Amino acid sequence: MSLLDGIRNKVANAKFEFSKHATDRILSRNILVQEVREAIGSGEIIEDYPDDKYDPSCLILGFTRARRPLHVQCSHPSRPLIKIITVYEPDPVSREENIVEKRVTYTLEMNGRLFVVENVPARVDLETGEQFFSPETVERLQEIIRGQEKPIRFLETPVFDYAA
């Protein structure tokens, strides 16, 4: 069985799950879970990452029934569940040209607390939404969060119960 056939088989049998990053991306980009299934079902592996950070993964370019192109990065089928790492619509602009410097809002949930830091300098990949921070920026974030600096303001944030 080929790598792609193994992935398709697991997805067809609901043996897959989404990373937090992928979940954030499909929600923010209005991508349906069914569209991810369709893209994997019709797609081809365009890049393989056998030495990826945690486990081998690959990038699939596929199309939904409505002909929407999607890139889906997922784990190899050697795991019990396919891990969907990220999902996005490919952009014809090259990746290097698609990274811009901008100010972002950095959020972190840690030890039951939500931290929000505004106006953080970052390089942002407009294709994937991934944010990259310089070592100096990460050190400053550590000072702010671990040093318990006094916040400039407080936010009221809605909290939902998934089981409700």
N, C-alpha and C. Protein backbone atom coordinates (compact mmCIF):
# COMPACT_ATOMS: atom_id res chain seq x y z
N MET A 1 0.86 -1.18 0.00
CA MET A 1 0.00 0.00 0.00
C MET A 1 0.90 1.24 0.00
N SER A 2 0.61 2.18 -0.88
CA SER A 2 1.42 3.41 -0.97
C SER A 2 1.15 4.31 0.24
N LEU A 3 2.04 5.26 0.44
CA LEU A 3 1.89 6.24 1.51
C LEU A 3 0.55 6.96 1.40
N LEU A 4 0.23 7.44 0.20
CA LEU A 4 -1.02 8.16 -0.02
C LEU A 4 -2.24 7.26 0.21
N ASP A 5 -2.16 6.01 -0.26
CA ASP A 5 -3.27 5.08 -0.04
C ASP A 5 -3.48 4.82 1.44
N GLY A 6 -2.39 4.72 2.21
CA GLY A 6 -2.50 4.52 3.65
C GLY A 6 -3.17 5.70 4.34
N ILE A 7 -2.82 6.91 3.92
CA ILE A 7 -3.45 8.11 4.48
C ILE A 7 -4.93 8.15 4.11
N ARG A 8 -5.22 7.93 2.84
CA ARG A 8 -6.62 7.95 2.38
C ARG A 8 -7.46 6.92 3.11
N ASN A 9 -6.92 5.73 3.32
CA ASN A 9 -7.65 4.67 4.00
C ASN A 9 -8.00 5.08 5.43
N LYS A 10 -7.04 5.64 6.13
CA LYS A 10 -7.31 6.05 7.52
C LYS A 10 -8.31 7.20 7.57
N VAL A 11 -8.19 8.16 6.67
CA VAL A 11 -9.13 9.29 6.65
C VAL A 11 -10.53 8.78 6.31
N ALA A 12 -10.64 7.89 5.35
CA ALA A 12 -11.95 7.34 4.96
C ALA A 12 -12.60 6.59 6.11
N ASN A 13 -11.79 6.04 7.01
CA ASN A 13 -12.31 5.29 8.16
C ASN A 13 -12.30 6.11 9.45
N ALA A 14 -12.25 7.43 9.30
CA ALA A 14 -12.29 8.37 10.44
C ALA A 14 -11.19 8.11 11.45
N LYS A 15 -10.04 7.70 10.98
CA LYS A 15 -8.88 7.47 11.85
C LYS A 15 -7.91 8.65 11.71
N PHE A 16 -8.41 9.85 12.02
CA PHE A 16 -7.57 11.04 11.95
C PHE A 16 -8.04 12.05 12.98
N GLU A 17 -7.13 12.99 13.30
CA GLU A 17 -7.45 14.06 14.24
C GLU A 17 -6.68 15.31 13.83
N PHE A 18 -7.15 16.46 14.32
CA PHE A 18 -6.56 17.75 13.98
C PHE A 18 -5.72 18.28 15.13
N SER A 19 -4.56 18.82 14.83
CA SER A 19 -3.77 19.53 15.84
C SER A 19 -4.49 20.82 16.21
N LYS A 20 -4.11 21.41 17.30
CA LYS A 20 -4.68 22.72 17.69
C LYS A 20 -4.44 23.73 16.58
N HIS A 21 -3.21 23.72 16.04
CA HIS A 21 -2.88 24.66 14.96
C HIS A 21 -3.81 24.45 13.76
N ALA A 22 -4.01 23.20 13.35
CA ALA A 22 -4.89 22.93 12.20
C ALA A 22 -6.33 23.32 12.51
N THR A 23 -6.77 23.07 13.73
CA THR A 23 -8.13 23.45 14.13
C THR A 23 -8.30 24.96 14.05
N ASP A 24 -7.31 25.70 14.56
CA ASP A 24 -7.35 27.16 14.47
C ASP A 24 -7.43 27.61 13.02
N ARG A 25 -6.63 26.97 12.16
CA ARG A 25 -6.58 27.37 10.75
C ARG A 25 -7.90 27.09 10.03
N ILE A 26 -8.50 25.92 10.23
CA ILE A 26 -9.74 25.65 9.50
C ILE A 26 -10.89 26.53 9.99
N LEU A 27 -10.88 26.85 11.29
CA LEU A 27 -11.92 27.75 11.80
C LEU A 27 -11.74 29.16 11.25
N SER A 28 -10.50 29.66 11.24
CA SER A 28 -10.27 31.03 10.79
C SER A 28 -10.37 31.18 9.27
N ARG A 29 -10.21 30.09 8.54
CA ARG A 29 -10.23 30.16 7.07
C ARG A 29 -11.50 29.59 6.45
N ASN A 30 -12.47 29.27 7.30
CA ASN A 30 -13.74 28.72 6.82
C ASN A 30 -13.55 27.50 5.94
N ILE A 31 -12.72 26.58 6.40
CA ILE A 31 -12.50 25.31 5.72
C ILE A 31 -13.28 24.25 6.48
N LEU A 32 -14.09 23.49 5.78
CA LEU A 32 -14.89 22.45 6.42
C LEU A 32 -14.09 21.15 6.55
N VAL A 33 -14.40 20.37 7.58
CA VAL A 33 -13.76 19.07 7.76
C VAL A 33 -14.01 18.20 6.52
N GLN A 34 -15.21 18.27 5.97
CA GLN A 34 -15.51 17.50 4.76
C GLN A 34 -14.61 17.92 3.61
N GLU A 35 -14.26 19.20 3.52
CA GLU A 35 -13.36 19.67 2.46
C GLU A 35 -11.96 19.08 2.65
N VAL A 36 -11.53 18.91 3.88
CA VAL A 36 -10.23 18.28 4.15
C VAL A 36 -10.27 16.83 3.68
N ARG A 37 -11.36 16.13 4.00
CA ARG A 37 -11.52 14.74 3.52
C ARG A 37 -11.45 14.67 1.99
N GLU A 38 -12.17 15.59 1.35
CA GLU A 38 -12.21 15.60 -0.12
C GLU A 38 -10.84 15.90 -0.71
N ALA A 39 -10.12 16.85 -0.12
CA ALA A 39 -8.79 17.20 -0.63
C ALA A 39 -7.82 16.03 -0.50
N ILE A 40 -7.87 15.33 0.62
CA ILE A 40 -7.00 14.16 0.78
C ILE A 40 -7.41 13.05 -0.19
N GLY A 41 -8.72 12.87 -0.35
CA GLY A 41 -9.21 11.84 -1.26
C GLY A 41 -8.84 12.07 -2.71
N SER A 42 -8.73 13.32 -3.13
CA SER A 42 -8.43 13.63 -4.53
C SER A 42 -6.98 14.05 -4.74
N GLY A 43 -6.23 14.22 -3.66
CA GLY A 43 -4.93 14.86 -3.74
C GLY A 43 -3.76 13.97 -4.08
N GLU A 44 -2.63 14.63 -4.20
CA GLU A 44 -1.35 13.98 -4.44
C GLU A 44 -0.34 14.55 -3.44
N ILE A 45 0.59 13.71 -3.04
CA ILE A 45 1.67 14.17 -2.16
C ILE A 45 2.63 15.00 -3.00
N ILE A 46 2.83 16.26 -2.61
CA ILE A 46 3.74 17.12 -3.36
C ILE A 46 5.06 17.32 -2.62
N GLU A 47 5.08 17.05 -1.32
CA GLU A 47 6.33 17.10 -0.55
C GLU A 47 6.25 16.04 0.54
N ASP A 48 7.38 15.40 0.79
CA ASP A 48 7.45 14.41 1.87
C ASP A 48 8.49 14.90 2.86
N TYR A 49 8.18 14.79 4.14
CA TYR A 49 9.07 15.24 5.21
C TYR A 49 9.38 14.05 6.13
N PRO A 50 10.22 13.11 5.68
CA PRO A 50 10.48 11.92 6.49
C PRO A 50 11.20 12.23 7.81
N ASP A 51 11.88 13.36 7.87
CA ASP A 51 12.62 13.74 9.09
C ASP A 51 11.97 14.91 9.81
N ASP A 52 10.64 15.02 9.71
CA ASP A 52 9.92 16.12 10.36
C ASP A 52 10.16 16.09 11.86
N LYS A 53 9.91 17.22 12.51
CA LYS A 53 10.25 17.44 13.92
C LYS A 53 9.79 16.31 14.85
N TYR A 54 8.53 15.92 14.78
CA TYR A 54 8.02 14.90 15.70
C TYR A 54 7.88 13.54 15.05
N ASP A 55 7.30 13.50 13.89
CA ASP A 55 7.10 12.25 13.15
C ASP A 55 7.14 12.57 11.67
N PRO A 56 7.38 11.57 10.83
CA PRO A 56 7.34 11.82 9.39
C PRO A 56 5.97 12.38 8.97
N SER A 57 5.99 13.33 8.05
CA SER A 57 4.75 13.92 7.54
C SER A 57 4.91 14.21 6.06
N CYS A 58 3.82 14.65 5.45
CA CYS A 58 3.85 14.99 4.04
C CYS A 58 2.85 16.11 3.78
N LEU A 59 3.01 16.76 2.64
CA LEU A 59 2.12 17.82 2.21
C LEU A 59 1.33 17.32 1.00
N ILE A 60 0.02 17.38 1.12
CA ILE A 60 -0.88 16.93 0.06
C ILE A 60 -1.53 18.15 -0.58
N LEU A 61 -1.55 18.19 -1.90
CA LEU A 61 -2.32 19.19 -2.63
C LEU A 61 -3.53 18.45 -3.19
N GLY A 62 -4.72 18.88 -2.77
CA GLY A 62 -5.94 18.26 -3.25
C GLY A 62 -7.00 19.31 -3.52
N PHE A 63 -8.12 18.85 -4.07
CA PHE A 63 -9.21 19.75 -4.42
C PHE A 63 -10.51 19.23 -3.81
N THR A 64 -11.32 20.16 -3.37
CA THR A 64 -12.64 19.80 -2.86
C THR A 64 -13.56 19.55 -4.06
N ARG A 65 -14.76 19.06 -3.79
CA ARG A 65 -15.73 18.85 -4.88
C ARG A 65 -16.05 20.16 -5.59
N ALA A 66 -15.96 21.28 -4.85
CA ALA A 66 -16.22 22.59 -5.45
C ALA A 66 -14.97 23.15 -6.14
N ARG A 67 -13.91 22.34 -6.26
CA ARG A 67 -12.64 22.69 -6.92
C ARG A 67 -11.81 23.69 -6.12
N ARG A 68 -12.05 23.78 -4.83
CA ARG A 68 -11.22 24.63 -3.96
C ARG A 68 -9.91 23.90 -3.70
N PRO A 69 -8.76 24.51 -4.02
CA PRO A 69 -7.49 23.83 -3.74
C PRO A 69 -7.14 23.94 -2.26
N LEU A 70 -6.62 22.86 -1.69
CA LEU A 70 -6.18 22.87 -0.30
C LEU A 70 -4.85 22.16 -0.17
N HIS A 71 -3.99 22.71 0.66
CA HIS A 71 -2.79 22.02 1.11
C HIS A 71 -3.12 21.44 2.48
N VAL A 72 -2.81 20.16 2.66
CA VAL A 72 -3.01 19.49 3.94
C VAL A 72 -1.69 18.85 4.33
N GLN A 73 -1.11 19.30 5.44
CA GLN A 73 0.08 18.63 5.95
C GLN A 73 -0.38 17.65 7.02
N CYS A 74 0.03 16.39 6.88
CA CYS A 74 -0.40 15.36 7.82
C CYS A 74 0.71 14.35 8.07
N SER A 75 0.54 13.59 9.14
CA SER A 75 1.52 12.55 9.47
C SER A 75 1.41 11.40 8.50
N HIS A 76 2.44 10.58 8.50
CA HIS A 76 2.40 9.33 7.73
C HIS A 76 1.42 8.37 8.42
N PRO A 77 0.93 7.37 7.72
CA PRO A 77 -0.09 6.47 8.30
C PRO A 77 0.47 5.43 9.27
N SER A 78 1.73 5.53 9.65
CA SER A 78 2.32 4.58 10.59
C SER A 78 1.74 4.75 12.00
N ARG A 79 1.15 5.89 12.27
CA ARG A 79 0.52 6.15 13.56
C ARG A 79 -0.90 5.57 13.57
N PRO A 80 -1.45 5.29 14.76
CA PRO A 80 -2.84 4.80 14.81
C PRO A 80 -3.84 5.80 14.22
N LEU A 81 -3.59 7.10 14.44
CA LEU A 81 -4.42 8.16 13.88
C LEU A 81 -3.56 9.08 13.03
N ILE A 82 -4.06 9.45 11.87
CA ILE A 82 -3.39 10.46 11.06
C ILE A 82 -3.51 11.79 11.81
N LYS A 83 -2.41 12.50 11.93
CA LYS A 83 -2.41 13.83 12.56
C LYS A 83 -2.46 14.87 11.45
N ILE A 84 -3.53 15.67 11.42
CA ILE A 84 -3.60 16.78 10.47
C ILE A 84 -2.87 17.93 11.15
N ILE A 85 -1.75 18.36 10.58
CA ILE A 85 -0.88 19.36 11.20
C ILE A 85 -1.31 20.78 10.84
N THR A 86 -1.60 21.00 9.57
CA THR A 86 -2.10 22.30 9.13
C THR A 86 -2.88 22.13 7.84
N VAL A 87 -3.74 23.11 7.55
CA VAL A 87 -4.57 23.11 6.34
C VAL A 87 -4.67 24.56 5.87
N TYR A 88 -4.49 24.77 4.56
CA TYR A 88 -4.60 26.13 4.03
C TYR A 88 -4.80 26.07 2.51
N GLU A 89 -5.28 27.18 1.97
CA GLU A 89 -5.39 27.30 0.52
C GLU A 89 -4.04 27.74 -0.02
N PRO A 90 -3.49 27.02 -0.99
CA PRO A 90 -2.19 27.43 -1.53
C PRO A 90 -2.27 28.78 -2.23
N ASP A 91 -1.19 29.50 -2.13
CA ASP A 91 -1.10 30.82 -2.75
C ASP A 91 -0.06 30.71 -3.87
N PRO A 92 -0.38 31.21 -5.06
CA PRO A 92 0.57 31.09 -6.16
C PRO A 92 1.86 31.88 -5.95
N VAL A 93 1.87 32.83 -5.00
CA VAL A 93 3.08 33.61 -4.72
C VAL A 93 4.06 32.70 -3.98
N SER A 94 5.34 32.84 -4.29
CA SER A 94 6.32 31.98 -3.63
C SER A 94 6.33 32.23 -2.14
N ARG A 95 6.75 31.23 -1.37
CA ARG A 95 6.71 31.32 0.09
C ARG A 95 7.60 32.44 0.61
N GLU A 96 8.76 32.66 0.04
CA GLU A 96 9.63 33.72 0.53
C GLU A 96 8.98 35.09 0.40
N GLU A 97 8.28 35.31 -0.70
CA GLU A 97 7.62 36.59 -0.91
C GLU A 97 6.36 36.73 -0.05
N ASN A 98 5.94 35.63 0.55
CA ASN A 98 4.69 35.62 1.28
C ASN A 98 4.88 35.81 2.79
N ILE A 99 6.10 36.11 3.22
CA ILE A 99 6.35 36.36 4.64
C ILE A 99 6.54 37.86 4.82
N VAL A 100 5.73 38.42 5.72
CA VAL A 100 5.79 39.86 5.96
C VAL A 100 6.04 40.13 7.44
N GLU A 101 6.64 41.27 7.70
CA GLU A 101 6.84 41.69 9.08
C GLU A 101 5.64 42.52 9.50
N LYS A 102 5.10 42.19 10.67
CA LYS A 102 3.96 42.94 11.18
C LYS A 102 3.87 42.79 12.69
N ARG A 103 2.98 43.53 13.29
CA ARG A 103 2.72 43.44 14.72
C ARG A 103 1.52 42.52 14.92
N VAL A 104 1.63 41.57 15.85
CA VAL A 104 0.56 40.61 16.08
C VAL A 104 0.17 40.61 17.55
N THR A 105 -0.94 39.96 17.83
CA THR A 105 -1.35 39.72 19.21
C THR A 105 -0.98 38.29 19.55
N TYR A 106 -0.12 38.14 20.53
CA TYR A 106 0.36 36.83 20.96
C TYR A 106 -0.50 36.35 22.12
N THR A 107 -1.01 35.12 22.03
CA THR A 107 -1.81 34.56 23.12
C THR A 107 -1.19 33.25 23.59
N LEU A 108 -1.34 33.01 24.87
CA LEU A 108 -0.82 31.79 25.47
C LEU A 108 -1.70 31.41 26.64
N GLU A 109 -2.12 30.14 26.66
CA GLU A 109 -2.82 29.62 27.82
C GLU A 109 -1.83 28.77 28.59
N MET A 110 -1.61 29.13 29.86
CA MET A 110 -0.62 28.44 30.66
C MET A 110 -1.09 28.40 32.11
N ASN A 111 -1.09 27.22 32.69
CA ASN A 111 -1.48 27.05 34.09
C ASN A 111 -2.85 27.65 34.39
N GLY A 112 -3.80 27.44 33.47
CA GLY A 112 -5.16 27.91 33.68
C GLY A 112 -5.35 29.40 33.48
N ARG A 113 -4.34 30.09 33.00
CA ARG A 113 -4.44 31.54 32.78
C ARG A 113 -4.24 31.84 31.30
N LEU A 114 -4.95 32.83 30.81
CA LEU A 114 -4.81 33.27 29.43
C LEU A 114 -4.01 34.56 29.41
N PHE A 115 -2.93 34.57 28.66
CA PHE A 115 -2.09 35.76 28.50
C PHE A 115 -2.29 36.31 27.09
N VAL A 116 -2.46 37.61 26.99
CA VAL A 116 -2.61 38.29 25.70
C VAL A 116 -1.61 39.43 25.67
N VAL A 117 -0.71 39.40 24.69
CA VAL A 117 0.30 40.44 24.54
C VAL A 117 0.11 41.06 23.17
N GLU A 118 -0.20 42.34 23.14
CA GLU A 118 -0.47 43.03 21.88
C GLU A 118 0.79 43.68 21.31
N ASN A 119 0.76 43.94 20.01
CA ASN A 119 1.81 44.68 19.30
C ASN A 119 3.17 43.99 19.35
N VAL A 120 3.16 42.68 19.20
CA VAL A 120 4.40 41.89 19.23
C VAL A 120 4.97 41.83 17.81
N PRO A 121 6.23 42.21 17.61
CA PRO A 121 6.82 42.12 16.27
C PRO A 121 7.00 40.66 15.86
N ALA A 122 6.59 40.36 14.63
CA ALA A 122 6.69 38.99 14.13
C ALA A 122 6.86 39.01 12.62
N ARG A 123 7.35 37.90 12.11
CA ARG A 123 7.32 37.65 10.67
C ARG A 123 6.18 36.66 10.48
N VAL A 124 5.24 36.98 9.58
CA VAL A 124 4.04 36.18 9.43
C VAL A 124 3.98 35.63 8.01
N ASP A 125 3.81 34.31 7.91
CA ASP A 125 3.61 33.67 6.62
C ASP A 125 2.14 33.84 6.26
N LEU A 126 1.88 34.64 5.24
CA LEU A 126 0.50 34.94 4.86
C LEU A 126 -0.22 33.72 4.30
N GLU A 127 0.51 32.73 3.84
CA GLU A 127 -0.11 31.53 3.29
C GLU A 127 -0.61 30.61 4.39
N THR A 128 0.20 30.43 5.43
CA THR A 128 -0.15 29.47 6.48
C THR A 128 -0.60 30.13 7.77
N GLY A 129 -0.31 31.43 7.93
CA GLY A 129 -0.63 32.11 9.18
C GLY A 129 0.40 31.90 10.27
N GLU A 130 1.40 31.08 10.00
CA GLU A 130 2.43 30.79 11.00
C GLU A 130 3.17 32.08 11.36
N GLN A 131 3.45 32.24 12.64
CA GLN A 131 4.15 33.43 13.13
C GLN A 131 5.54 33.02 13.60
N PHE A 132 6.54 33.85 13.28
CA PHE A 132 7.92 33.60 13.65
C PHE A 132 8.43 34.79 14.45
N PHE A 133 9.13 34.49 15.56
CA PHE A 133 9.58 35.53 16.48
C PHE A 133 11.09 35.46 16.64
N SER A 134 11.71 36.63 16.68
CA SER A 134 13.16 36.70 16.88
C SER A 134 13.50 36.26 18.30
N PRO A 135 14.74 35.86 18.54
CA PRO A 135 15.14 35.49 19.91
C PRO A 135 14.90 36.63 20.91
N GLU A 136 15.14 37.86 20.48
CA GLU A 136 14.92 39.00 21.37
C GLU A 136 13.44 39.15 21.73
N THR A 137 12.58 38.92 20.75
CA THR A 137 11.14 39.01 21.01
C THR A 137 10.70 37.92 21.98
N VAL A 138 11.20 36.71 21.80
CA VAL A 138 10.84 35.61 22.71
C VAL A 138 11.33 35.93 24.13
N GLU A 139 12.52 36.46 24.25
CA GLU A 139 13.03 36.83 25.58
C GLU A 139 12.14 37.89 26.23
N ARG A 140 11.69 38.86 25.45
CA ARG A 140 10.81 39.91 25.98
C ARG A 140 9.46 39.31 26.39
N LEU A 141 8.91 38.38 25.59
CA LEU A 141 7.66 37.71 25.96
C LEU A 141 7.84 36.95 27.27
N GLN A 142 8.99 36.31 27.44
CA GLN A 142 9.25 35.60 28.70
C GLN A 142 9.26 36.58 29.87
N GLU A 143 9.88 37.74 29.68
CA GLU A 143 9.90 38.75 30.75
C GLU A 143 8.49 39.19 31.11
N ILE A 144 7.68 39.43 30.09
CA ILE A 144 6.32 39.92 30.32
C ILE A 144 5.48 38.87 31.04
N ILE A 145 5.52 37.63 30.54
CA ILE A 145 4.64 36.58 31.07
C ILE A 145 5.17 36.00 32.38
N ARG A 146 6.42 35.67 32.41
CA ARG A 146 6.97 35.06 33.63
C ARG A 146 7.26 36.11 34.71
N GLY A 147 7.52 37.32 34.28
CA GLY A 147 7.81 38.39 35.24
C GLY A 147 6.57 39.00 35.83
N GLN A 148 5.40 38.58 35.32
CA GLN A 148 4.13 39.07 35.84
C GLN A 148 4.04 40.60 35.81
N GLU A 149 4.39 41.20 34.67
CA GLU A 149 4.25 42.65 34.52
C GLU A 149 2.79 43.04 34.68
N LYS A 150 2.57 44.25 35.09
CA LYS A 150 1.21 44.76 35.25
C LYS A 150 0.59 44.98 33.87
N PRO A 151 -0.60 44.41 33.63
CA PRO A 151 -1.24 44.58 32.32
C PRO A 151 -1.67 46.03 32.08
N ILE A 152 -1.71 46.41 30.79
CA ILE A 152 -2.16 47.76 30.45
C ILE A 152 -3.68 47.87 30.48
N ARG A 153 -4.37 46.73 30.34
CA ARG A 153 -5.83 46.70 30.43
C ARG A 153 -6.28 45.26 30.58
N PHE A 154 -7.55 45.06 30.86
CA PHE A 154 -8.13 43.73 31.00
C PHE A 154 -9.18 43.53 29.93
N LEU A 155 -9.31 42.28 29.45
CA LEU A 155 -10.30 41.93 28.43
C LEU A 155 -11.38 41.08 29.05
N GLU A 156 -12.59 41.28 28.59
CA GLU A 156 -13.66 40.36 28.94
C GLU A 156 -13.78 39.38 27.78
N THR A 157 -13.58 38.10 28.06
CA THR A 157 -13.52 37.10 27.00
C THR A 157 -14.63 36.07 27.19
N PRO A 158 -15.42 35.81 26.15
CA PRO A 158 -16.44 34.77 26.28
C PRO A 158 -15.78 33.39 26.40
N VAL A 159 -16.34 32.57 27.25
CA VAL A 159 -15.87 31.20 27.43
C VAL A 159 -17.05 30.28 27.15
N PHE A 160 -16.82 29.28 26.29
CA PHE A 160 -17.90 28.37 25.90
C PHE A 160 -17.64 26.99 26.48
N ASP A 161 -18.70 26.29 26.77
CA ASP A 161 -18.61 24.89 27.21
C ASP A 161 -18.96 24.01 26.02
N TYR A 162 -17.99 23.26 25.55
CA TYR A 162 -18.18 22.41 24.38
C TYR A 162 -19.31 21.42 24.59
N ALA A 163 -19.46 20.90 25.80
CA ALA A 163 -20.45 19.87 26.08
C ALA A 163 -21.88 20.41 26.19
N ALA A 164 -22.00 21.71 26.28
CA ALA A 164 -23.33 22.31 26.48
C ALA A 164 -24.21 22.15 25.26
